[in-house]
Protein backbone atom coordinates (compact mmCIF):
# COMPACT_ATOMS: atom_id res chain seq x y z
CA MET A 1 3.91 2.98 -89.27
CA ILE A 2 0.53 1.60 -88.18
CA ALA A 3 0.03 4.42 -85.66
CA ASN A 4 0.77 7.03 -88.35
CA LEU A 5 -1.63 5.25 -90.71
CA PHE A 6 -4.57 5.40 -88.31
CA SER A 7 -3.81 8.96 -87.19
CA SER A 8 -3.81 10.14 -90.80
CA TRP A 9 -6.92 8.14 -91.67
CA LEU A 10 -8.81 9.67 -88.71
CA SER A 11 -7.58 13.25 -89.13
CA VAL A 12 -10.22 15.98 -89.50
CA ASN A 13 -10.04 16.18 -93.30
CA SER A 14 -9.53 12.46 -93.92
CA PRO A 15 -12.07 10.11 -95.58
CA GLY A 16 -12.29 8.14 -92.35
CA PHE A 17 -13.34 11.17 -90.32
CA ARG A 18 -15.90 12.22 -92.94
CA MET A 19 -17.36 8.72 -92.98
CA PHE A 20 -17.50 8.67 -89.16
CA ARG A 21 -19.34 11.99 -89.22
CA GLN A 22 -21.87 10.62 -91.72
CA ILE A 23 -22.43 7.58 -89.50
CA LEU A 24 -23.13 9.82 -86.50
CA ARG A 25 -25.79 11.66 -88.52
CA ASN A 26 -27.57 8.43 -89.42
CA ARG A 27 -30.77 7.91 -87.40
CA SER A 28 -30.23 4.17 -87.16
CA ALA A 29 -26.71 4.68 -85.79
CA GLN A 30 -27.98 7.21 -83.26
CA MET A 31 -30.63 4.81 -81.96
CA GLY A 32 -28.20 1.91 -81.82
CA GLY A 33 -25.50 4.03 -80.22
CA VAL A 34 -27.78 5.28 -77.45
CA LEU A 35 -29.04 1.78 -76.73
CA LEU A 36 -25.53 0.33 -76.71
CA PHE A 37 -24.30 3.15 -74.45
CA ILE A 38 -27.07 2.41 -71.95
CA LEU A 39 -26.20 -1.30 -71.91
CA VAL A 40 -22.46 -0.67 -71.54
CA PHE A 41 -22.96 1.98 -68.86
CA ALA A 42 -25.38 -0.24 -66.93
CA SER A 43 -23.01 -3.23 -67.11
CA TYR A 44 -19.77 -1.50 -66.19
CA GLY A 45 -21.47 0.91 -63.80
CA ALA A 46 -23.22 -1.92 -61.97
CA PRO A 47 -21.69 -1.04 -58.55
CA LEU A 48 -23.22 2.43 -58.88
CA ILE A 49 -26.66 1.07 -59.77
CA THR A 50 -27.08 -1.77 -57.29
CA SER A 51 -25.50 -2.73 -53.98
CA GLN A 52 -26.51 -6.39 -54.32
CA ASP A 53 -23.85 -9.09 -54.67
CA PRO A 54 -24.47 -11.08 -57.88
CA ILE A 55 -23.15 -14.34 -56.40
CA LYS A 56 -24.42 -14.10 -52.82
CA THR A 57 -27.04 -16.75 -52.12
CA ALA A 58 -30.11 -16.50 -49.86
CA PRO A 59 -32.12 -19.73 -50.07
CA SER A 60 -34.99 -18.21 -48.08
CA MET A 61 -35.46 -15.63 -50.89
CA ALA A 62 -35.46 -18.15 -53.74
CA LEU A 63 -37.70 -17.48 -56.76
CA LYS A 64 -39.11 -14.19 -55.51
CA ALA A 65 -41.02 -12.25 -58.17
CA PRO A 66 -39.79 -8.80 -59.29
CA SER A 67 -40.29 -6.18 -56.59
CA LEU A 68 -38.80 -2.90 -55.42
CA ALA A 69 -36.16 -4.79 -53.41
CA HIS A 70 -35.37 -7.09 -56.34
CA PRO A 71 -36.39 -5.38 -59.64
CA MET A 72 -35.77 -8.54 -61.66
CA GLY A 73 -36.65 -11.04 -58.95
CA THR A 74 -34.37 -13.72 -57.53
CA ASP A 75 -33.15 -17.06 -58.90
CA GLY A 76 -33.45 -20.59 -57.58
CA ILE A 77 -30.96 -20.06 -54.77
CA GLY A 78 -31.97 -16.51 -53.86
CA ARG A 79 -29.41 -14.49 -55.81
CA ASP A 80 -30.53 -11.06 -57.00
CA ASN A 81 -31.36 -11.38 -60.70
CA PHE A 82 -30.95 -7.64 -61.37
CA ALA A 83 -27.36 -7.66 -60.07
CA ARG A 84 -26.60 -10.79 -62.07
CA PHE A 85 -28.11 -9.17 -65.17
CA LEU A 86 -25.92 -6.09 -64.83
CA TYR A 87 -22.69 -7.92 -64.04
CA GLY A 88 -23.48 -10.61 -66.63
CA GLY A 89 -23.68 -7.95 -69.32
CA ARG A 90 -20.00 -7.19 -68.82
CA LEU A 91 -18.99 -10.71 -69.73
CA SER A 92 -21.46 -11.10 -72.59
CA LEU A 93 -20.37 -7.87 -74.26
CA ARG A 94 -16.69 -8.62 -73.66
CA VAL A 95 -16.99 -12.09 -75.19
CA GLY A 96 -18.55 -10.57 -78.31
CA LEU A 97 -15.94 -7.85 -78.67
CA VAL A 98 -12.91 -10.04 -77.97
CA GLY A 99 -14.21 -12.84 -80.18
CA ILE A 100 -14.75 -10.64 -83.23
CA THR A 101 -11.41 -8.89 -82.64
CA ILE A 102 -9.56 -12.21 -82.73
CA GLY A 103 -11.40 -13.22 -85.89
CA ALA A 104 -10.72 -9.86 -87.56
CA LEU A 105 -7.00 -9.81 -86.73
CA LEU A 106 -6.39 -13.38 -87.92
CA GLY A 107 -8.69 -13.18 -90.94
CA ILE A 108 -7.44 -9.82 -92.21
CA THR A 109 -3.81 -10.87 -91.79
CA LEU A 110 -4.34 -14.12 -93.68
CA GLY A 111 -6.37 -12.32 -96.35
CA LEU A 112 -3.66 -9.71 -96.90
CA ILE A 113 -0.96 -12.35 -97.25
CA SER A 114 -3.06 -14.65 -99.45
CA GLY A 115 -4.36 -11.97 -101.79
CA TYR A 116 -1.06 -10.14 -102.20
CA LEU A 117 1.38 -13.03 -102.59
CA GLY A 118 -0.87 -15.34 -104.60
CA GLY A 119 0.63 -18.60 -105.92
CA TRP A 120 0.97 -21.58 -103.61
CA VAL A 121 0.56 -19.41 -100.52
CA ASP A 122 -2.86 -18.32 -101.75
CA SER A 123 -3.78 -21.91 -102.61
CA VAL A 124 -2.86 -23.24 -99.16
CA LEU A 125 -4.58 -20.45 -97.24
CA SER A 126 -7.67 -20.65 -99.47
CA TRP A 127 -7.84 -24.41 -98.90
CA PHE A 128 -7.57 -23.84 -95.14
CA THR A 129 -10.36 -21.28 -95.31
CA ASP A 130 -12.56 -23.60 -97.37
CA VAL A 131 -12.15 -26.29 -94.71
CA LEU A 132 -13.24 -23.88 -91.98
CA MET A 133 -16.17 -22.62 -94.07
CA ALA A 134 -17.44 -26.18 -94.47
CA PHE A 135 -18.58 -26.04 -90.84
CA PRO A 136 -21.40 -23.80 -89.57
CA ASP A 137 -20.02 -21.13 -87.24
CA ILE A 138 -21.47 -22.53 -84.02
CA LEU A 139 -20.48 -26.11 -84.96
CA LEU A 140 -16.92 -24.98 -85.66
CA ALA A 141 -16.82 -23.19 -82.29
CA LEU A 142 -18.09 -26.34 -80.56
CA ALA A 143 -15.41 -28.43 -82.29
CA ILE A 144 -12.67 -26.04 -81.17
CA ILE A 145 -13.93 -26.04 -77.58
CA ALA A 146 -14.06 -29.84 -77.68
CA ILE A 147 -10.34 -29.77 -78.47
CA LEU A 148 -9.30 -26.95 -76.12
CA GLY A 149 -11.77 -27.63 -73.32
CA PRO A 150 -14.52 -25.43 -71.84
CA GLY A 151 -13.78 -22.00 -70.37
CA ILE A 152 -14.46 -18.38 -71.16
CA SER A 153 -11.03 -17.78 -72.76
CA ASN A 154 -11.38 -20.83 -74.99
CA ALA A 155 -14.92 -19.74 -75.90
CA MET A 156 -13.60 -16.33 -77.04
CA LEU A 157 -10.88 -18.02 -79.08
CA ALA A 158 -13.36 -20.46 -80.63
CA ILE A 159 -15.71 -17.64 -81.61
CA GLY A 160 -12.80 -15.70 -83.09
CA ILE A 161 -11.62 -18.64 -85.19
CA SER A 162 -15.16 -19.22 -86.48
CA PHE A 163 -15.12 -15.67 -87.93
CA VAL A 164 -11.70 -16.02 -89.59
CA PRO A 165 -13.03 -17.36 -92.95
CA SER A 166 -15.39 -14.40 -93.45
CA PHE A 167 -12.69 -11.79 -92.85
CA MET A 168 -10.10 -13.74 -94.81
CA ARG A 169 -12.34 -14.10 -97.89
CA LEU A 170 -13.41 -10.46 -97.91
CA THR A 171 -9.86 -9.17 -97.39
CA ARG A 172 -8.41 -11.51 -100.02
CA GLY A 173 -10.93 -10.38 -102.64
CA SER A 174 -10.26 -6.73 -101.90
CA VAL A 175 -6.47 -7.17 -102.05
CA MET A 176 -6.62 -9.06 -105.35
CA ALA A 177 -8.62 -6.20 -106.85
CA LEU A 178 -6.22 -3.55 -105.55
CA ARG A 179 -2.79 -5.12 -106.05
CA GLU A 180 -2.79 -4.49 -109.82
CA MET A 181 -3.78 -0.83 -109.52
CA THR A 182 -1.44 1.77 -111.04
CA TYR A 183 -0.57 3.42 -107.73
CA ILE A 184 0.49 0.04 -106.30
CA GLU A 185 2.82 -0.54 -109.25
CA ALA A 186 4.20 2.97 -108.81
CA SER A 187 4.86 2.28 -105.15
CA ARG A 188 6.75 -0.90 -106.05
CA ALA A 189 8.79 1.03 -108.62
CA LEU A 190 9.77 3.54 -105.94
CA GLY A 191 11.18 0.71 -103.84
CA SER A 192 8.44 0.30 -101.22
CA SER A 193 8.53 -3.01 -99.38
CA ASP A 194 5.63 -5.45 -99.56
CA ALA A 195 4.77 -4.78 -95.91
CA ARG A 196 4.63 -1.02 -96.51
CA ILE A 197 2.45 -1.45 -99.60
CA LEU A 198 0.04 -3.70 -97.68
CA ILE A 199 -0.22 -1.47 -94.61
CA ARG A 200 0.09 1.94 -96.25
CA HIS A 201 -1.85 1.51 -99.49
CA ILE A 202 -3.93 -1.67 -99.70
CA LEU A 203 -5.30 -1.98 -96.15
CA PRO A 204 -6.66 1.61 -95.93
CA ASN A 205 -8.57 1.09 -99.19
CA SER A 206 -10.10 -2.12 -97.80
CA VAL A 207 -11.20 -0.62 -94.49
CA ARG A 208 -14.67 0.47 -95.62
CA THR A 209 -15.93 -2.98 -96.55
CA LEU A 210 -14.16 -4.62 -93.61
CA LEU A 211 -15.75 -2.11 -91.25
CA VAL A 212 -19.22 -3.28 -92.27
CA LEU A 213 -18.37 -6.92 -91.58
CA LEU A 214 -16.66 -6.00 -88.30
CA THR A 215 -19.61 -4.01 -87.02
CA LEU A 216 -22.27 -6.56 -87.93
CA GLY A 217 -20.01 -9.37 -86.72
CA ILE A 218 -19.99 -8.03 -83.15
CA GLY A 219 -23.69 -8.81 -82.81
CA SER A 220 -23.19 -12.31 -84.20
CA SER A 221 -20.26 -12.80 -81.84
CA ILE A 222 -22.34 -11.77 -78.82
CA LEU A 223 -25.05 -14.22 -79.89
CA ALA A 224 -22.51 -17.02 -80.41
CA GLY A 225 -20.97 -16.33 -77.00
CA ALA A 226 -24.39 -16.47 -75.35
CA ALA A 227 -25.10 -19.78 -77.13
CA LEU A 228 -21.84 -21.34 -75.91
CA ASN A 229 -22.47 -20.13 -72.37
CA PHE A 230 -26.03 -21.46 -72.58
CA LEU A 231 -24.54 -24.87 -73.37
CA GLY A 232 -22.25 -24.56 -70.34
CA LEU A 233 -19.04 -24.27 -72.40
CA GLY A 234 -18.06 -20.74 -71.36
CA ALA A 235 -18.33 -19.03 -68.01
CA GLU A 236 -18.21 -21.33 -65.00
CA PRO A 237 -20.78 -21.01 -62.19
CA PRO A 238 -21.40 -18.84 -60.25
CA THR A 239 -20.06 -16.24 -62.74
CA PRO A 240 -23.05 -14.29 -64.13
CA GLU A 241 -23.49 -14.25 -67.91
CA TRP A 242 -26.65 -13.81 -69.95
CA GLY A 243 -26.43 -17.12 -71.82
CA ALA A 244 -25.64 -19.05 -68.64
CA MET A 245 -28.51 -17.26 -66.86
CA LEU A 246 -30.88 -18.42 -69.62
CA ASN A 247 -29.72 -21.99 -69.11
CA ALA A 248 -30.20 -21.80 -65.34
CA GLY A 249 -33.64 -20.23 -65.73
CA MET A 250 -34.92 -22.96 -68.08
CA LYS A 251 -35.56 -25.23 -65.08
CA PHE A 252 -37.98 -22.68 -63.62
CA VAL A 253 -39.46 -21.30 -66.82
CA ARG A 254 -43.07 -22.11 -65.80
CA GLN A 255 -42.89 -20.70 -62.28
CA ALA A 256 -40.30 -17.92 -62.64
CA TRP A 257 -40.56 -16.28 -66.07
CA TRP A 258 -38.20 -13.45 -65.08
CA LEU A 259 -35.18 -15.78 -64.99
CA THR A 260 -35.30 -16.26 -68.76
CA VAL A 261 -37.04 -13.11 -69.97
CA PHE A 262 -34.56 -10.53 -68.64
CA PRO A 263 -31.29 -12.14 -69.85
CA GLY A 264 -33.03 -12.88 -73.16
CA VAL A 265 -33.99 -9.21 -73.47
CA GLY A 266 -30.40 -8.24 -72.67
CA ILE A 267 -29.07 -10.42 -75.52
CA PHE A 268 -31.78 -9.13 -77.86
CA LEU A 269 -31.10 -5.45 -77.12
CA SER A 270 -27.33 -5.78 -77.39
CA VAL A 271 -27.52 -7.54 -80.77
CA LEU A 272 -30.19 -5.09 -81.95
CA SER A 273 -28.07 -2.05 -81.03
CA ILE A 274 -25.02 -3.45 -82.85
CA ASN A 275 -27.09 -4.34 -85.93
CA LEU A 276 -28.58 -0.84 -86.06
CA ILE A 277 -25.08 0.62 -86.05
CA GLY A 278 -23.95 -1.96 -88.60
CA ASP A 279 -26.82 -1.07 -90.95
CA ALA A 280 -25.86 2.59 -90.72
CA VAL A 281 -22.21 1.78 -91.49
CA SER A 282 -23.33 -0.33 -94.45
CA ASP A 283 -25.51 2.48 -95.82
CA VAL A 284 -22.73 5.06 -95.44
CA VAL A 285 -20.11 2.81 -97.05
CA ALA A 286 -22.45 1.99 -99.94
CA GLY A 287 -23.18 5.68 -100.48
CA THR A 288 -19.49 6.56 -100.36
CA THR A 289 -18.66 3.84 -102.90
CA ILE A 290 -21.35 5.04 -105.30
CA SER A 291 -20.24 8.67 -105.06
CA VAL A 292 -16.60 7.68 -105.73
CA ARG A 293 -17.62 5.72 -108.82
CA GLN A 294 -19.71 8.62 -110.10
CA GLU A 295 -16.76 11.00 -109.68
CA LYS A 296 -14.58 8.64 -111.71
């Protein structure tokens, strides 16, 4: 059922395909897409770009300034900073994507159940969400890691859980507005199950607003992942990761500026590219909503 739903929503004449085409025409999305493509290609094509080993040490080459041999210099134990930057981008981007995916799946599921069933189920899930929302995102992630222990997998899970309240609230509000619509009542009268109504009718009509939160949330998730790794709660040494590289470079910030500048630029550009795409999605969704209301 879910596969058929997405295939129909993304068919050539579907609203989803038309919206995707509008996003591709947006200048902000084009700039963000090109920048994100460069970062992803550089990270996952690292073996094609550099032959340096990101974890191989050479103490005699420690803290060398950027040069042709080492475009981003070397760190305190002689590792090539350019190789670590490229390979570290893989982990930073993956943490952001996996984290927001976990948050979206859990939050949307809880929002669908809470908004559609209502009653005591809605009260319990709303209370649970209110408890989570009482904590700032990064503080909630730190609390979860304190319980589960440090590690990259636990960091992804912690980031995902910190995004659950946002997705749950947005989905719940959308479902509560849609569940009393005439076509939903007609579907119930025809004998459709609750699961079919949620997946076939309510979820597709909530996708637009959820897509905005999902897109913008990736950038926030990347930033949160970098913050946790900066605090030493994610990737374990010597695994390269932009946040962890920032932490390691802080000790040499006065004598080796390149150790903090380049991973910082990587985080900045990745978040910027995602936000540019997110702004384009927001503009397209807002324009689509206005045009639909005008037609009505």
